[in-house]
Amino acid sequence: MYISDPSETKRPARQRDAERTRAAILTAALNLFSTRGFAQTGVREVAELAGVNSALVGRYFGSKLGLYRATLEVIDITPALQGDLRSFGKFMVGVFFDSPGAPGPLQMMILSMADPDAHAATVEFLQKKVITPLARWLGPPDGEGRAARLNILWTGFLISWKLLPIQSLTGARLAATRRWLEAQTQAIVDEGTA
């Protein structure tokens, strides 16, 4: 039997950082869900990319669907709704263009549509966390319709730029498309001030 000598140096116990672990899992999930979709992403793959044990995914999020829902919740449109209506087009389109390499929430949502549970979670999220707050911020007339049209415009652009890339959306054409998207976004916003 070995009895340790109290004078021996012990390794310090590894401290756990729940928030950092949770954030690493969410970042890994966003990355994988936005490149593979819900059905093609496994909990073990998320855990491996996050550098954690896969049991922690279940501990923090309950299930893969719980993780997907939590990943959706990371997406927050409310900071974009703090600015001036008159410059919203330029600001919002800047959000799309200024982080071109980052994993995209839109890609995640579209690639996950084949799974019925992920589809339902996405539709619920879009209505509750994007369309409704945007409609409220836009106000009358027809804030809900204008919010829906903005979503259609942005989704169409992002699909054509990121998921099914149109090759001619590069260089000067992409710059011109950016200006067009800013103007179209602002035109929909301005329908309420006419």
N, C-alpha and C. Protein backbone atom coordinates (compact mmCIF):
# COMPACT_ATOMS: atom_id res chain seq x y z
N MET A 1 0.84 -1.17 0.00
CA MET A 1 0.00 0.00 0.00
C MET A 1 0.89 1.24 0.00
N TYR A 2 0.50 2.21 -0.79
CA TYR A 2 1.28 3.44 -0.90
C TYR A 2 0.56 4.53 -0.13
N ILE A 3 1.27 5.18 0.73
CA ILE A 3 0.73 6.33 1.47
C ILE A 3 1.50 7.54 0.99
N SER A 4 0.75 8.50 0.53
CA SER A 4 1.42 9.68 -0.03
C SER A 4 2.06 10.51 1.05
N ASP A 5 3.16 11.07 0.69
CA ASP A 5 3.89 11.96 1.57
C ASP A 5 3.27 13.35 1.43
N PRO A 6 2.82 13.96 2.51
CA PRO A 6 2.19 15.27 2.41
C PRO A 6 3.10 16.33 1.80
N SER A 7 4.37 16.07 1.80
CA SER A 7 5.27 17.05 1.21
C SER A 7 5.35 16.93 -0.31
N GLU A 8 4.77 15.81 -0.85
CA GLU A 8 4.77 15.67 -2.31
C GLU A 8 3.88 16.74 -2.93
N THR A 9 4.30 17.24 -4.05
CA THR A 9 3.48 18.24 -4.73
C THR A 9 2.37 17.54 -5.49
N LYS A 10 1.21 18.04 -5.31
CA LYS A 10 0.04 17.49 -6.02
C LYS A 10 -0.30 18.40 -7.19
N ARG A 11 -0.82 17.76 -8.23
CA ARG A 11 -1.31 18.56 -9.36
C ARG A 11 -2.57 19.29 -8.91
N PRO A 12 -2.68 20.51 -9.31
CA PRO A 12 -3.92 21.21 -8.96
C PRO A 12 -5.10 20.55 -9.68
N ALA A 13 -6.22 20.47 -9.02
CA ALA A 13 -7.42 19.90 -9.64
C ALA A 13 -7.82 20.77 -10.82
N ARG A 14 -8.23 20.10 -11.87
CA ARG A 14 -8.66 20.83 -13.07
C ARG A 14 -9.97 21.54 -12.76
N GLN A 15 -9.97 22.82 -12.93
CA GLN A 15 -11.17 23.57 -12.65
C GLN A 15 -12.10 23.55 -13.85
N ARG A 16 -13.35 23.46 -13.55
CA ARG A 16 -14.35 23.45 -14.61
C ARG A 16 -14.88 24.86 -14.81
N ASP A 17 -15.12 25.18 -16.05
CA ASP A 17 -15.67 26.48 -16.39
C ASP A 17 -16.91 26.21 -17.23
N ALA A 18 -18.04 26.13 -16.57
CA ALA A 18 -19.28 25.75 -17.23
C ALA A 18 -19.64 26.69 -18.38
N GLU A 19 -19.47 27.97 -18.18
CA GLU A 19 -19.84 28.93 -19.24
C GLU A 19 -18.93 28.77 -20.46
N ARG A 20 -17.64 28.58 -20.22
CA ARG A 20 -16.72 28.41 -21.35
C ARG A 20 -17.02 27.10 -22.09
N THR A 21 -17.31 26.05 -21.34
CA THR A 21 -17.64 24.76 -21.95
C THR A 21 -18.92 24.89 -22.77
N ARG A 22 -19.92 25.51 -22.20
CA ARG A 22 -21.20 25.70 -22.90
C ARG A 22 -20.99 26.51 -24.18
N ALA A 23 -20.22 27.58 -24.08
CA ALA A 23 -19.95 28.43 -25.25
C ALA A 23 -19.18 27.66 -26.32
N ALA A 24 -18.22 26.83 -25.92
CA ALA A 24 -17.45 26.04 -26.89
C ALA A 24 -18.36 25.05 -27.60
N ILE A 25 -19.28 24.45 -26.87
CA ILE A 25 -20.23 23.51 -27.48
C ILE A 25 -21.13 24.24 -28.47
N LEU A 26 -21.64 25.40 -28.08
CA LEU A 26 -22.51 26.17 -28.99
C LEU A 26 -21.77 26.61 -30.25
N THR A 27 -20.54 27.04 -30.10
CA THR A 27 -19.74 27.46 -31.27
C THR A 27 -19.50 26.28 -32.20
N ALA A 28 -19.16 25.15 -31.64
CA ALA A 28 -18.94 23.95 -32.46
C ALA A 28 -20.23 23.53 -33.14
N ALA A 29 -21.34 23.57 -32.42
CA ALA A 29 -22.62 23.19 -33.00
C ALA A 29 -23.01 24.12 -34.14
N LEU A 30 -22.85 25.42 -33.95
CA LEU A 30 -23.17 26.37 -35.02
C LEU A 30 -22.33 26.08 -36.25
N ASN A 31 -21.05 25.82 -36.03
CA ASN A 31 -20.15 25.51 -37.15
C ASN A 31 -20.62 24.26 -37.89
N LEU A 32 -20.91 23.21 -37.18
CA LEU A 32 -21.31 21.95 -37.84
C LEU A 32 -22.72 22.01 -38.41
N PHE A 33 -23.66 22.56 -37.66
CA PHE A 33 -25.03 22.67 -38.19
C PHE A 33 -25.07 23.54 -39.44
N SER A 34 -24.21 24.57 -39.50
CA SER A 34 -24.24 25.48 -40.65
C SER A 34 -23.47 24.95 -41.85
N THR A 35 -22.70 23.89 -41.67
CA THR A 35 -22.00 23.29 -42.82
C THR A 35 -22.55 21.93 -43.20
N ARG A 36 -23.20 21.24 -42.25
CA ARG A 36 -23.72 19.89 -42.52
C ARG A 36 -25.22 19.77 -42.36
N GLY A 37 -25.82 20.65 -41.58
CA GLY A 37 -27.23 20.52 -41.27
C GLY A 37 -27.43 19.70 -40.01
N PHE A 38 -28.66 19.63 -39.57
CA PHE A 38 -29.00 18.95 -38.32
C PHE A 38 -28.82 17.44 -38.43
N ALA A 39 -29.39 16.85 -39.46
CA ALA A 39 -29.38 15.39 -39.58
C ALA A 39 -27.97 14.82 -39.72
N GLN A 40 -27.08 15.55 -40.36
CA GLN A 40 -25.73 15.05 -40.63
C GLN A 40 -24.72 15.41 -39.55
N THR A 41 -25.19 16.02 -38.48
CA THR A 41 -24.30 16.40 -37.38
C THR A 41 -24.59 15.52 -36.18
N GLY A 42 -23.55 14.92 -35.64
CA GLY A 42 -23.69 14.08 -34.46
C GLY A 42 -23.21 14.78 -33.21
N VAL A 43 -23.78 14.39 -32.08
CA VAL A 43 -23.40 14.96 -30.79
C VAL A 43 -21.91 14.71 -30.52
N ARG A 44 -21.42 13.53 -30.86
CA ARG A 44 -20.00 13.23 -30.64
C ARG A 44 -19.10 14.16 -31.46
N GLU A 45 -19.52 14.47 -32.68
CA GLU A 45 -18.73 15.37 -33.53
C GLU A 45 -18.69 16.78 -32.94
N VAL A 46 -19.84 17.20 -32.42
CA VAL A 46 -19.89 18.53 -31.79
C VAL A 46 -18.95 18.55 -30.59
N ALA A 47 -19.04 17.52 -29.76
CA ALA A 47 -18.20 17.45 -28.56
C ALA A 47 -16.72 17.42 -28.93
N GLU A 48 -16.39 16.63 -29.95
CA GLU A 48 -14.99 16.55 -30.37
C GLU A 48 -14.47 17.90 -30.84
N LEU A 49 -15.27 18.60 -31.66
CA LEU A 49 -14.86 19.91 -32.14
C LEU A 49 -14.74 20.91 -30.99
N ALA A 50 -15.61 20.77 -29.99
CA ALA A 50 -15.58 21.67 -28.84
C ALA A 50 -14.47 21.30 -27.85
N GLY A 51 -13.92 20.08 -28.00
CA GLY A 51 -12.87 19.64 -27.09
C GLY A 51 -13.40 19.21 -25.73
N VAL A 52 -14.63 18.65 -25.73
CA VAL A 52 -15.23 18.22 -24.47
C VAL A 52 -15.76 16.79 -24.61
N ASN A 53 -16.11 16.21 -23.50
CA ASN A 53 -16.72 14.89 -23.48
C ASN A 53 -18.15 15.00 -24.00
N SER A 54 -18.58 14.04 -24.80
CA SER A 54 -19.92 14.13 -25.40
C SER A 54 -21.03 14.10 -24.35
N ALA A 55 -20.78 13.55 -23.18
CA ALA A 55 -21.80 13.55 -22.13
C ALA A 55 -22.15 14.98 -21.70
N LEU A 56 -21.21 15.90 -21.86
CA LEU A 56 -21.48 17.29 -21.47
C LEU A 56 -22.53 17.94 -22.37
N VAL A 57 -22.61 17.50 -23.61
CA VAL A 57 -23.64 18.05 -24.51
C VAL A 57 -25.01 17.74 -23.93
N GLY A 58 -25.21 16.49 -23.53
CA GLY A 58 -26.48 16.10 -22.92
C GLY A 58 -26.71 16.81 -21.59
N ARG A 59 -25.66 16.98 -20.84
CA ARG A 59 -25.78 17.63 -19.53
C ARG A 59 -26.24 19.08 -19.67
N TYR A 60 -25.66 19.79 -20.63
CA TYR A 60 -26.00 21.21 -20.80
C TYR A 60 -27.26 21.44 -21.64
N PHE A 61 -27.52 20.56 -22.61
CA PHE A 61 -28.58 20.85 -23.58
C PHE A 61 -29.67 19.78 -23.66
N GLY A 62 -29.49 18.66 -23.00
CA GLY A 62 -30.51 17.63 -22.97
C GLY A 62 -30.47 16.66 -24.13
N SER A 63 -30.41 17.19 -25.33
CA SER A 63 -30.45 16.35 -26.53
C SER A 63 -29.87 17.15 -27.70
N LYS A 64 -29.75 16.48 -28.84
CA LYS A 64 -29.26 17.19 -30.03
C LYS A 64 -30.26 18.28 -30.43
N LEU A 65 -31.55 17.99 -30.32
CA LEU A 65 -32.55 19.02 -30.64
C LEU A 65 -32.46 20.18 -29.65
N GLY A 66 -32.23 19.88 -28.38
CA GLY A 66 -32.04 20.94 -27.39
C GLY A 66 -30.83 21.79 -27.72
N LEU A 67 -29.77 21.15 -28.19
CA LEU A 67 -28.57 21.87 -28.63
C LEU A 67 -28.89 22.74 -29.84
N TYR A 68 -29.64 22.21 -30.79
CA TYR A 68 -30.02 22.98 -31.97
C TYR A 68 -30.83 24.21 -31.56
N ARG A 69 -31.80 24.01 -30.68
CA ARG A 69 -32.62 25.14 -30.21
C ARG A 69 -31.74 26.19 -29.51
N ALA A 70 -30.81 25.74 -28.69
CA ALA A 70 -29.91 26.67 -28.00
C ALA A 70 -29.04 27.41 -28.99
N THR A 71 -28.63 26.73 -30.06
CA THR A 71 -27.82 27.38 -31.09
C THR A 71 -28.64 28.45 -31.80
N LEU A 72 -29.91 28.17 -32.04
CA LEU A 72 -30.78 29.20 -32.63
C LEU A 72 -30.89 30.41 -31.70
N GLU A 73 -30.98 30.16 -30.41
CA GLU A 73 -31.15 31.24 -29.45
C GLU A 73 -29.94 32.18 -29.39
N VAL A 74 -28.79 31.72 -29.85
CA VAL A 74 -27.60 32.57 -29.90
C VAL A 74 -27.81 33.71 -30.90
N ILE A 75 -28.63 33.45 -31.90
CA ILE A 75 -28.92 34.43 -32.94
C ILE A 75 -29.86 35.49 -32.36
N ASP A 76 -29.46 36.72 -32.42
CA ASP A 76 -30.23 37.79 -31.79
C ASP A 76 -30.30 39.00 -32.71
N ILE A 77 -31.50 39.31 -33.18
CA ILE A 77 -31.67 40.46 -34.08
C ILE A 77 -31.85 41.76 -33.31
N THR A 78 -32.13 41.69 -32.02
CA THR A 78 -32.45 42.92 -31.28
C THR A 78 -31.37 44.00 -31.31
N PRO A 79 -30.06 43.67 -31.31
CA PRO A 79 -29.09 44.78 -31.42
C PRO A 79 -29.24 45.56 -32.73
N ALA A 80 -29.65 44.88 -33.80
CA ALA A 80 -29.84 45.57 -35.08
C ALA A 80 -31.04 46.51 -35.03
N LEU A 81 -31.93 46.28 -34.08
CA LEU A 81 -33.15 47.09 -34.00
C LEU A 81 -32.99 48.28 -33.05
N GLN A 82 -31.77 48.55 -32.64
CA GLN A 82 -31.52 49.68 -31.74
C GLN A 82 -31.18 50.95 -32.53
N GLY A 83 -30.88 50.79 -33.80
CA GLY A 83 -30.43 51.92 -34.59
C GLY A 83 -31.55 52.73 -35.21
N ASP A 84 -31.16 53.58 -36.11
CA ASP A 84 -32.06 54.50 -36.80
C ASP A 84 -32.70 53.80 -38.00
N LEU A 85 -34.01 53.94 -38.13
CA LEU A 85 -34.71 53.36 -39.28
C LEU A 85 -34.14 53.86 -40.60
N ARG A 86 -33.68 55.11 -40.64
CA ARG A 86 -33.21 55.72 -41.89
C ARG A 86 -31.92 55.11 -42.41
N SER A 87 -31.17 54.41 -41.56
CA SER A 87 -29.91 53.80 -42.02
C SER A 87 -29.90 52.28 -41.84
N PHE A 88 -31.07 51.72 -41.65
CA PHE A 88 -31.17 50.29 -41.38
C PHE A 88 -30.67 49.44 -42.54
N GLY A 89 -30.97 49.83 -43.77
CA GLY A 89 -30.54 49.06 -44.94
C GLY A 89 -29.03 48.91 -44.98
N LYS A 90 -28.34 49.99 -44.83
CA LYS A 90 -26.87 49.97 -44.86
C LYS A 90 -26.32 49.15 -43.70
N PHE A 91 -26.89 49.36 -42.51
CA PHE A 91 -26.42 48.64 -41.33
C PHE A 91 -26.63 47.13 -41.48
N MET A 92 -27.84 46.72 -41.82
CA MET A 92 -28.17 45.29 -41.85
C MET A 92 -27.39 44.56 -42.93
N VAL A 93 -27.26 45.15 -44.08
CA VAL A 93 -26.50 44.52 -45.16
C VAL A 93 -25.02 44.46 -44.77
N GLY A 94 -24.56 45.45 -44.03
CA GLY A 94 -23.19 45.41 -43.52
C GLY A 94 -22.96 44.20 -42.62
N VAL A 95 -23.97 43.81 -41.86
CA VAL A 95 -23.86 42.62 -41.00
C VAL A 95 -23.58 41.39 -41.87
N PHE A 96 -24.27 41.28 -42.99
CA PHE A 96 -24.06 40.11 -43.88
C PHE A 96 -22.66 40.12 -44.48
N PHE A 97 -22.22 41.28 -44.92
CA PHE A 97 -20.97 41.38 -45.66
C PHE A 97 -19.72 41.42 -44.78
N ASP A 98 -19.86 41.91 -43.58
CA ASP A 98 -18.69 42.12 -42.74
C ASP A 98 -18.22 40.89 -41.99
N SER A 99 -18.93 39.78 -42.14
CA SER A 99 -18.48 38.52 -41.53
C SER A 99 -18.68 37.38 -42.53
N PRO A 100 -18.07 37.49 -43.72
CA PRO A 100 -18.34 36.51 -44.77
C PRO A 100 -17.85 35.10 -44.49
N GLY A 101 -16.84 34.92 -43.65
CA GLY A 101 -16.32 33.58 -43.41
C GLY A 101 -16.94 32.90 -42.21
N ALA A 102 -17.71 33.64 -41.41
CA ALA A 102 -18.29 33.07 -40.20
C ALA A 102 -19.39 32.08 -40.54
N PRO A 103 -19.55 31.05 -39.69
CA PRO A 103 -20.65 30.12 -39.92
C PRO A 103 -21.96 30.89 -39.86
N GLY A 104 -22.82 30.62 -40.78
CA GLY A 104 -24.03 31.41 -40.87
C GLY A 104 -25.27 30.75 -40.31
N PRO A 105 -26.02 31.50 -39.52
CA PRO A 105 -27.27 30.98 -39.00
C PRO A 105 -28.25 30.58 -40.11
N LEU A 106 -28.27 31.35 -41.20
CA LEU A 106 -29.18 31.01 -42.29
C LEU A 106 -28.82 29.66 -42.89
N GLN A 107 -27.53 29.43 -43.12
CA GLN A 107 -27.12 28.13 -43.64
C GLN A 107 -27.56 27.02 -42.70
N MET A 108 -27.37 27.24 -41.41
CA MET A 108 -27.74 26.25 -40.41
C MET A 108 -29.23 25.93 -40.52
N MET A 109 -30.05 26.96 -40.60
CA MET A 109 -31.49 26.76 -40.64
C MET A 109 -31.92 26.06 -41.93
N ILE A 110 -31.37 26.48 -43.05
CA ILE A 110 -31.77 25.87 -44.33
C ILE A 110 -31.29 24.43 -44.43
N LEU A 111 -30.05 24.18 -44.05
CA LEU A 111 -29.53 22.82 -44.13
C LEU A 111 -30.23 21.87 -43.16
N SER A 112 -30.90 22.40 -42.18
CA SER A 112 -31.57 21.56 -41.19
C SER A 112 -33.05 21.34 -41.48
N MET A 113 -33.54 21.88 -42.57
CA MET A 113 -34.97 21.80 -42.87
C MET A 113 -35.48 20.40 -43.15
N ALA A 114 -34.61 19.48 -43.53
CA ALA A 114 -35.06 18.13 -43.86
C ALA A 114 -35.53 17.35 -42.63
N ASP A 115 -35.06 17.72 -41.47
CA ASP A 115 -35.48 17.04 -40.25
C ASP A 115 -36.74 17.72 -39.71
N PRO A 116 -37.82 16.97 -39.49
CA PRO A 116 -39.09 17.59 -39.05
C PRO A 116 -38.97 18.37 -37.74
N ASP A 117 -38.23 17.85 -36.77
CA ASP A 117 -38.10 18.55 -35.49
C ASP A 117 -37.28 19.83 -35.62
N ALA A 118 -36.18 19.76 -36.37
CA ALA A 118 -35.36 20.95 -36.59
C ALA A 118 -36.14 21.97 -37.42
N HIS A 119 -36.91 21.51 -38.38
CA HIS A 119 -37.75 22.40 -39.20
C HIS A 119 -38.73 23.16 -38.31
N ALA A 120 -39.44 22.42 -37.45
CA ALA A 120 -40.41 23.06 -36.55
C ALA A 120 -39.73 24.07 -35.63
N ALA A 121 -38.57 23.71 -35.10
CA ALA A 121 -37.84 24.62 -34.21
C ALA A 121 -37.42 25.88 -34.96
N THR A 122 -37.01 25.71 -36.22
CA THR A 122 -36.56 26.85 -37.03
C THR A 122 -37.71 27.79 -37.35
N VAL A 123 -38.84 27.24 -37.76
CA VAL A 123 -40.01 28.06 -38.10
C VAL A 123 -40.47 28.84 -36.86
N GLU A 124 -40.52 28.15 -35.73
CA GLU A 124 -40.92 28.81 -34.47
C GLU A 124 -39.94 29.93 -34.12
N PHE A 125 -38.65 29.64 -34.24
CA PHE A 125 -37.62 30.64 -33.93
C PHE A 125 -37.75 31.86 -34.84
N LEU A 126 -37.87 31.64 -36.15
CA LEU A 126 -37.96 32.76 -37.09
C LEU A 126 -39.13 33.68 -36.75
N GLN A 127 -40.27 33.08 -36.47
CA GLN A 127 -41.44 33.90 -36.16
C GLN A 127 -41.25 34.67 -34.86
N LYS A 128 -40.83 33.95 -33.81
CA LYS A 128 -40.75 34.53 -32.48
C LYS A 128 -39.57 35.49 -32.30
N LYS A 129 -38.42 35.16 -32.88
CA LYS A 129 -37.20 35.91 -32.58
C LYS A 129 -36.72 36.82 -33.72
N VAL A 130 -37.34 36.69 -34.90
CA VAL A 130 -36.93 37.56 -36.01
C VAL A 130 -38.12 38.36 -36.53
N ILE A 131 -39.13 37.68 -37.06
CA ILE A 131 -40.25 38.38 -37.71
C ILE A 131 -41.01 39.26 -36.71
N THR A 132 -41.41 38.72 -35.58
CA THR A 132 -42.21 39.49 -34.62
C THR A 132 -41.47 40.71 -34.07
N PRO A 133 -40.22 40.57 -33.59
CA PRO A 133 -39.53 41.78 -33.11
C PRO A 133 -39.27 42.80 -34.23
N LEU A 134 -38.93 42.30 -35.41
CA LEU A 134 -38.69 43.19 -36.54
C LEU A 134 -39.98 43.92 -36.91
N ALA A 135 -41.10 43.20 -36.94
CA ALA A 135 -42.39 43.82 -37.26
C ALA A 135 -42.76 44.89 -36.23
N ARG A 136 -42.54 44.59 -34.98
CA ARG A 136 -42.85 45.56 -33.91
C ARG A 136 -41.98 46.81 -34.07
N TRP A 137 -40.71 46.61 -34.39
CA TRP A 137 -39.80 47.74 -34.56
C TRP A 137 -40.16 48.57 -35.79
N LEU A 138 -40.54 47.91 -36.87
CA LEU A 138 -40.93 48.63 -38.09
C LEU A 138 -42.22 49.40 -37.88
N GLY A 139 -43.14 48.83 -37.13
CA GLY A 139 -44.40 49.49 -36.83
C GLY A 139 -45.35 49.53 -38.01
N PRO A 140 -46.47 50.23 -37.83
CA PRO A 140 -47.44 50.33 -38.92
C PRO A 140 -46.93 51.24 -40.03
N PRO A 141 -47.43 51.12 -41.21
CA PRO A 141 -48.43 50.15 -41.64
C PRO A 141 -47.79 48.81 -41.99
N ASP A 142 -48.48 47.75 -41.69
CA ASP A 142 -48.13 46.39 -42.07
C ASP A 142 -46.70 45.99 -41.70
N GLY A 143 -46.33 46.22 -40.45
CA GLY A 143 -44.99 45.84 -40.00
C GLY A 143 -44.71 44.36 -40.20
N GLU A 144 -45.72 43.52 -39.97
CA GLU A 144 -45.53 42.07 -40.13
C GLU A 144 -45.23 41.72 -41.59
N GLY A 145 -45.96 42.32 -42.52
CA GLY A 145 -45.72 42.07 -43.95
C GLY A 145 -44.36 42.57 -44.39
N ARG A 146 -43.99 43.75 -43.90
CA ARG A 146 -42.67 44.30 -44.25
C ARG A 146 -41.55 43.44 -43.67
N ALA A 147 -41.72 42.95 -42.45
CA ALA A 147 -40.72 42.07 -41.85
C ALA A 147 -40.59 40.78 -42.66
N ALA A 148 -41.71 40.25 -43.11
CA ALA A 148 -41.68 39.03 -43.93
C ALA A 148 -40.97 39.29 -45.25
N ARG A 149 -41.25 40.44 -45.89
CA ARG A 149 -40.59 40.77 -47.16
C ARG A 149 -39.08 40.95 -46.98
N LEU A 150 -38.67 41.55 -45.87
CA LEU A 150 -37.24 41.68 -45.59
C LEU A 150 -36.60 40.29 -45.45
N ASN A 151 -37.28 39.41 -44.74
CA ASN A 151 -36.76 38.05 -44.57
C ASN A 151 -36.63 37.34 -45.91
N ILE A 152 -37.61 37.51 -46.78
CA ILE A 152 -37.56 36.91 -48.12
C ILE A 152 -36.37 37.47 -48.91
N LEU A 153 -36.21 38.77 -48.87
CA LEU A 153 -35.12 39.44 -49.60
C LEU A 153 -33.76 38.94 -49.11
N TRP A 154 -33.55 38.97 -47.81
CA TRP A 154 -32.26 38.57 -47.24
C TRP A 154 -31.99 37.09 -47.46
N THR A 155 -33.01 36.26 -47.28
CA THR A 155 -32.84 34.82 -47.46
C THR A 155 -32.46 34.50 -48.90
N GLY A 156 -33.16 35.12 -49.84
CA GLY A 156 -32.84 34.90 -51.25
C GLY A 156 -31.42 35.31 -51.59
N PHE A 157 -31.01 36.45 -51.09
CA PHE A 157 -29.64 36.90 -51.35
C PHE A 157 -28.63 35.94 -50.74
N LEU A 158 -28.81 35.61 -49.46
CA LEU A 158 -27.83 34.77 -48.78
C LEU A 158 -27.75 33.36 -49.38
N ILE A 159 -28.87 32.84 -49.83
CA ILE A 159 -28.83 31.53 -50.50
C ILE A 159 -28.00 31.64 -51.78
N SER A 160 -28.23 32.68 -52.55
CA SER A 160 -27.51 32.86 -53.81
C SER A 160 -26.05 33.21 -53.63
N TRP A 161 -25.70 33.73 -52.48
CA TRP A 161 -24.30 34.12 -52.21
C TRP A 161 -23.54 33.02 -51.49
N LYS A 162 -24.22 32.31 -50.55
CA LYS A 162 -23.52 31.37 -49.69
C LYS A 162 -23.80 29.90 -49.99
N LEU A 163 -25.09 29.54 -50.14
CA LEU A 163 -25.43 28.12 -50.25
C LEU A 163 -25.42 27.60 -51.68
N LEU A 164 -25.95 28.36 -52.58
CA LEU A 164 -25.95 28.00 -54.01
C LEU A 164 -25.30 29.16 -54.74
N PRO A 165 -23.99 29.34 -54.55
CA PRO A 165 -23.32 30.56 -54.99
C PRO A 165 -23.40 30.81 -56.51
N ILE A 166 -23.86 31.99 -56.82
CA ILE A 166 -23.85 32.44 -58.20
C ILE A 166 -22.45 33.00 -58.45
N GLN A 167 -21.75 32.42 -59.40
CA GLN A 167 -20.35 32.78 -59.62
C GLN A 167 -20.13 34.25 -59.96
N SER A 168 -21.13 34.86 -60.56
CA SER A 168 -20.95 36.26 -60.94
C SER A 168 -21.11 37.22 -59.75
N LEU A 169 -21.41 36.70 -58.57
CA LEU A 169 -21.49 37.56 -57.39
C LEU A 169 -20.10 37.71 -56.75
N THR A 170 -19.20 38.32 -57.49
CA THR A 170 -17.85 38.57 -57.00
C THR A 170 -17.42 39.97 -57.44
N GLY A 171 -16.37 40.45 -56.81
CA GLY A 171 -15.75 41.71 -57.22
C GLY A 171 -16.72 42.87 -57.32
N ALA A 172 -16.67 43.55 -58.47
CA ALA A 172 -17.49 44.74 -58.69
C ALA A 172 -18.98 44.39 -58.69
N ARG A 173 -19.31 43.20 -59.20
CA ARG A 173 -20.73 42.80 -59.20
C ARG A 173 -21.24 42.62 -57.78
N LEU A 174 -20.40 42.07 -56.91
CA LEU A 174 -20.82 41.90 -55.52
C LEU A 174 -20.98 43.26 -54.85
N ALA A 175 -20.11 44.19 -55.14
CA ALA A 175 -20.24 45.55 -54.60
C ALA A 175 -21.53 46.20 -55.08
N ALA A 176 -21.85 46.03 -56.36
CA ALA A 176 -23.10 46.58 -56.90
C ALA A 176 -24.31 45.90 -56.27
N THR A 177 -24.19 44.59 -56.06
CA THR A 177 -25.28 43.85 -55.43
C THR A 177 -25.48 44.31 -53.99
N ARG A 178 -24.39 44.60 -53.31
CA ARG A 178 -24.49 45.11 -51.94
C ARG A 178 -25.27 46.42 -51.93
N ARG A 179 -24.92 47.33 -52.83
CA ARG A 179 -25.64 48.62 -52.89
C ARG A 179 -27.12 48.40 -53.20
N TRP A 180 -27.40 47.48 -54.13
CA TRP A 180 -28.80 47.17 -54.48
C TRP A 180 -29.54 46.61 -53.27
N LEU A 181 -28.91 45.68 -52.54
CA LEU A 181 -29.55 45.06 -51.38
C LEU A 181 -29.80 46.10 -50.28
N GLU A 182 -28.84 47.00 -50.09
CA GLU A 182 -29.04 48.09 -49.12
C GLU A 182 -30.26 48.93 -49.51
N ALA A 183 -30.35 49.28 -50.80
CA ALA A 183 -31.45 50.12 -51.28
C ALA A 183 -32.79 49.40 -51.16
N GLN A 184 -32.82 48.11 -51.52
CA GLN A 184 -34.08 47.36 -51.44
C GLN A 184 -34.51 47.17 -49.99
N THR A 185 -33.55 46.89 -49.11
CA THR A 185 -33.86 46.76 -47.69
C THR A 185 -34.43 48.07 -47.16
N GLN A 186 -33.77 49.16 -47.49
CA GLN A 186 -34.22 50.47 -47.01
C GLN A 186 -35.60 50.83 -47.59
N ALA A 187 -35.85 50.46 -48.85
CA ALA A 187 -37.15 50.75 -49.47
C ALA A 187 -38.27 50.05 -48.71
N ILE A 188 -38.04 48.82 -48.30
CA ILE A 188 -39.08 48.09 -47.54
C ILE A 188 -39.27 48.75 -46.18
N VAL A 189 -38.19 49.14 -45.53
CA VAL A 189 -38.28 49.82 -44.25
C VAL A 189 -39.05 51.12 -44.41
N ASP A 190 -38.75 51.86 -45.47
CA ASP A 190 -39.35 53.18 -45.69
C ASP A 190 -40.81 53.14 -46.10
N GLU A 191 -41.34 51.98 -46.44
CA GLU A 191 -42.77 51.88 -46.78
C GLU A 191 -43.62 52.39 -45.64
N GLY A 192 -43.12 52.32 -44.43
CA GLY A 192 -43.87 52.76 -43.28
C GLY A 192 -43.84 54.26 -43.04
N THR A 193 -42.97 54.96 -43.75
CA THR A 193 -42.86 56.41 -43.52
C THR A 193 -43.45 57.23 -44.66
N ALA A 194 -44.00 56.56 -45.64
CA ALA A 194 -44.54 57.28 -46.81
C ALA A 194 -45.83 57.99 -46.49
